[in-house]
Amino acid sequence: MKQLDRVRLIRERAAYTQAGVKAGDTGIVMGENRCGYCLVYFDGEIVLRDGIYQTSEIDLAVREEDLALLEE
C-alpha cells in the first residue's frame, strides 16, 4: 500500500474495535508502511455544532494484512 490509497478494513481486532473501527470501514492511507503497519484515516462525518465544523474521522495504525485496496 502507498500513501493516498483508498482501503477497506477486512479483519476485526480488539485494538481496532476499541478505537471505534470495524471490518468494512473505509479510509485513506496517510503515510508509508512501517514495520507492517499503515496509518489510515477512516472516513467520518462532518457536522456543524455551535457554528463550528467538526469531523468524526479516526486515525489508526492498521496492519497492512488487515486492509484491502479499493479500486478507483
N, C-alpha and C. Protein backbone atom coordinates (compact mmCIF):
# COMPACT_ATOMS: atom_id res chain seq x y z
N MET A 1 0.84 -1.17 0.00
CA MET A 1 0.00 0.00 0.00
C MET A 1 0.90 1.24 0.00
N LYS A 2 0.37 2.28 -0.61
CA LYS A 2 1.13 3.52 -0.64
C LYS A 2 0.24 4.67 -0.21
N GLN A 3 0.84 5.80 0.05
CA GLN A 3 0.12 6.97 0.51
C GLN A 3 -0.99 7.33 -0.47
N LEU A 4 -2.14 7.67 0.09
CA LEU A 4 -3.36 8.11 -0.60
C LEU A 4 -4.15 6.97 -1.25
N ASP A 5 -3.77 5.72 -1.02
CA ASP A 5 -4.58 4.59 -1.48
C ASP A 5 -5.86 4.53 -0.64
N ARG A 6 -6.98 4.23 -1.31
CA ARG A 6 -8.24 4.00 -0.60
C ARG A 6 -8.29 2.54 -0.20
N VAL A 7 -8.65 2.27 1.06
CA VAL A 7 -8.63 0.91 1.59
C VAL A 7 -9.89 0.61 2.39
N ARG A 8 -10.13 -0.70 2.59
CA ARG A 8 -11.24 -1.17 3.43
C ARG A 8 -10.64 -2.11 4.47
N LEU A 9 -11.09 -1.98 5.70
CA LEU A 9 -10.66 -2.88 6.77
C LEU A 9 -11.39 -4.21 6.60
N ILE A 10 -10.63 -5.31 6.56
CA ILE A 10 -11.24 -6.62 6.29
C ILE A 10 -11.15 -7.57 7.47
N ARG A 11 -10.52 -7.16 8.58
CA ARG A 11 -10.37 -8.05 9.72
C ARG A 11 -10.65 -7.29 11.02
N GLU A 12 -11.35 -7.96 11.92
CA GLU A 12 -11.63 -7.38 13.23
C GLU A 12 -10.48 -7.69 14.19
N ARG A 13 -10.11 -6.73 14.98
CA ARG A 13 -9.13 -6.93 16.06
C ARG A 13 -9.60 -6.06 17.23
N ALA A 14 -9.27 -6.49 18.43
CA ALA A 14 -9.70 -5.77 19.63
C ALA A 14 -9.22 -4.32 19.61
N ALA A 15 -7.99 -4.08 19.18
CA ALA A 15 -7.45 -2.72 19.16
C ALA A 15 -8.23 -1.82 18.21
N TYR A 16 -8.69 -2.38 17.10
CA TYR A 16 -9.47 -1.59 16.14
C TYR A 16 -10.84 -1.25 16.73
N THR A 17 -11.45 -2.27 17.34
CA THR A 17 -12.78 -2.06 17.94
C THR A 17 -12.73 -1.01 19.04
N GLN A 18 -11.69 -1.06 19.88
CA GLN A 18 -11.54 -0.07 20.95
C GLN A 18 -11.39 1.34 20.40
N ALA A 19 -10.80 1.46 19.23
CA ALA A 19 -10.62 2.78 18.61
C ALA A 19 -11.88 3.24 17.88
N GLY A 20 -12.87 2.34 17.71
CA GLY A 20 -14.12 2.70 17.06
C GLY A 20 -14.20 2.33 15.59
N VAL A 21 -13.33 1.41 15.15
CA VAL A 21 -13.30 1.00 13.75
C VAL A 21 -13.69 -0.47 13.66
N LYS A 22 -14.46 -0.83 12.63
CA LYS A 22 -14.88 -2.22 12.45
C LYS A 22 -14.66 -2.65 11.01
N ALA A 23 -14.66 -3.96 10.79
CA ALA A 23 -14.49 -4.51 9.44
C ALA A 23 -15.54 -3.89 8.51
N GLY A 24 -15.10 -3.52 7.32
CA GLY A 24 -15.99 -2.88 6.35
C GLY A 24 -15.80 -1.37 6.27
N ASP A 25 -15.21 -0.78 7.30
CA ASP A 25 -14.96 0.67 7.28
C ASP A 25 -13.90 0.99 6.24
N THR A 26 -14.03 2.15 5.61
CA THR A 26 -13.09 2.56 4.57
C THR A 26 -12.34 3.81 5.00
N GLY A 27 -11.18 3.98 4.38
CA GLY A 27 -10.37 5.15 4.70
C GLY A 27 -9.28 5.36 3.67
N ILE A 28 -8.33 6.19 4.01
CA ILE A 28 -7.24 6.53 3.11
C ILE A 28 -5.92 6.37 3.85
N VAL A 29 -4.93 5.78 3.17
CA VAL A 29 -3.61 5.57 3.76
C VAL A 29 -2.88 6.90 3.80
N MET A 30 -2.37 7.26 4.97
CA MET A 30 -1.64 8.51 5.14
C MET A 30 -0.23 8.19 5.60
N GLY A 31 0.63 7.88 4.67
CA GLY A 31 2.00 7.54 5.01
C GLY A 31 2.36 6.18 4.46
N GLU A 32 3.63 5.85 4.57
CA GLU A 32 4.11 4.59 4.04
C GLU A 32 4.10 3.50 5.10
N ASN A 33 4.19 2.27 4.64
CA ASN A 33 4.22 1.11 5.52
C ASN A 33 5.45 1.18 6.42
N ARG A 34 5.22 1.00 7.71
CA ARG A 34 6.31 0.94 8.69
C ARG A 34 6.09 -0.28 9.56
N CYS A 35 7.06 -1.20 9.48
CA CYS A 35 7.02 -2.43 10.29
C CYS A 35 5.72 -3.20 10.11
N GLY A 36 5.16 -3.19 8.90
CA GLY A 36 3.93 -3.93 8.60
C GLY A 36 2.65 -3.19 8.91
N TYR A 37 2.74 -1.92 9.36
CA TYR A 37 1.56 -1.12 9.70
C TYR A 37 1.46 0.09 8.78
N CYS A 38 0.24 0.52 8.53
CA CYS A 38 -0.04 1.75 7.78
C CYS A 38 -0.92 2.65 8.65
N LEU A 39 -0.69 3.95 8.55
CA LEU A 39 -1.57 4.90 9.21
C LEU A 39 -2.75 5.16 8.29
N VAL A 40 -3.95 4.87 8.78
CA VAL A 40 -5.16 5.02 7.97
C VAL A 40 -6.08 6.02 8.64
N TYR A 41 -6.58 6.98 7.85
CA TYR A 41 -7.62 7.90 8.30
C TYR A 41 -8.93 7.31 7.81
N PHE A 42 -9.74 6.79 8.73
CA PHE A 42 -11.02 6.20 8.37
C PHE A 42 -12.06 7.29 8.20
N ASP A 43 -12.92 7.10 7.20
CA ASP A 43 -13.93 8.10 6.86
C ASP A 43 -14.84 8.38 8.05
N GLY A 44 -15.18 9.62 8.19
CA GLY A 44 -16.10 10.05 9.24
C GLY A 44 -17.14 10.98 8.65
N GLU A 45 -17.83 11.66 9.49
CA GLU A 45 -18.85 12.61 9.05
C GLU A 45 -18.42 14.02 9.44
N ILE A 46 -18.90 14.98 8.68
CA ILE A 46 -18.67 16.38 9.01
C ILE A 46 -19.97 16.93 9.54
N VAL A 47 -19.93 17.47 10.74
CA VAL A 47 -21.14 18.02 11.36
C VAL A 47 -20.88 19.45 11.80
N LEU A 48 -21.94 20.23 11.86
CA LEU A 48 -21.85 21.61 12.32
C LEU A 48 -22.44 21.69 13.72
N ARG A 49 -21.60 22.03 14.71
CA ARG A 49 -22.05 22.15 16.10
C ARG A 49 -21.66 23.52 16.62
N ASP A 50 -22.63 24.26 17.06
CA ASP A 50 -22.40 25.59 17.63
C ASP A 50 -21.60 26.48 16.68
N GLY A 51 -21.88 26.36 15.38
CA GLY A 51 -21.22 27.19 14.39
C GLY A 51 -19.82 26.74 14.02
N ILE A 52 -19.40 25.56 14.50
CA ILE A 52 -18.06 25.05 14.22
C ILE A 52 -18.18 23.70 13.53
N TYR A 53 -17.48 23.55 12.42
CA TYR A 53 -17.47 22.26 11.73
C TYR A 53 -16.54 21.31 12.45
N GLN A 54 -17.03 20.09 12.69
CA GLN A 54 -16.23 19.06 13.35
C GLN A 54 -16.31 17.78 12.53
N THR A 55 -15.25 16.96 12.62
CA THR A 55 -15.25 15.69 11.90
C THR A 55 -15.13 14.54 12.89
N SER A 56 -15.60 13.40 12.44
CA SER A 56 -15.53 12.21 13.29
C SER A 56 -14.58 11.17 12.69
N GLU A 57 -13.57 11.64 11.95
CA GLU A 57 -12.59 10.72 11.38
C GLU A 57 -11.78 10.06 12.50
N ILE A 58 -11.33 8.85 12.24
CA ILE A 58 -10.49 8.12 13.19
C ILE A 58 -9.19 7.77 12.48
N ASP A 59 -8.07 8.16 13.07
CA ASP A 59 -6.78 7.77 12.50
C ASP A 59 -6.21 6.66 13.36
N LEU A 60 -5.68 5.63 12.70
CA LEU A 60 -5.28 4.42 13.41
C LEU A 60 -4.19 3.69 12.63
N ALA A 61 -3.21 3.17 13.34
CA ALA A 61 -2.21 2.30 12.73
C ALA A 61 -2.83 0.91 12.56
N VAL A 62 -2.84 0.43 11.32
CA VAL A 62 -3.50 -0.83 10.99
C VAL A 62 -2.50 -1.75 10.30
N ARG A 63 -2.55 -3.03 10.63
CA ARG A 63 -1.69 -4.00 9.95
C ARG A 63 -2.07 -4.02 8.47
N GLU A 64 -1.06 -4.00 7.62
CA GLU A 64 -1.33 -3.98 6.18
C GLU A 64 -2.11 -5.22 5.75
N GLU A 65 -1.88 -6.34 6.39
CA GLU A 65 -2.59 -7.59 6.04
C GLU A 65 -4.09 -7.50 6.35
N ASP A 66 -4.50 -6.53 7.15
CA ASP A 66 -5.91 -6.37 7.52
C ASP A 66 -6.64 -5.39 6.61
N LEU A 67 -5.97 -4.95 5.54
CA LEU A 67 -6.54 -3.96 4.63
C LEU A 67 -6.69 -4.54 3.22
N ALA A 68 -7.74 -4.12 2.53
CA ALA A 68 -7.92 -4.45 1.13
C ALA A 68 -7.92 -3.16 0.34
N LEU A 69 -7.16 -3.14 -0.75
CA LEU A 69 -7.08 -1.96 -1.60
C LEU A 69 -8.38 -1.84 -2.38
N LEU A 70 -8.95 -0.63 -2.42
CA LEU A 70 -10.17 -0.38 -3.17
C LEU A 70 -9.80 0.12 -4.56
N GLU A 71 -10.49 -0.39 -5.54
CA GLU A 71 -10.28 0.06 -6.94
C GLU A 71 -10.95 1.41 -7.12
N GLU A 72 -10.30 2.26 -7.87
CA GLU A 72 -10.87 3.60 -8.10
C GLU A 72 -11.70 3.63 -9.34
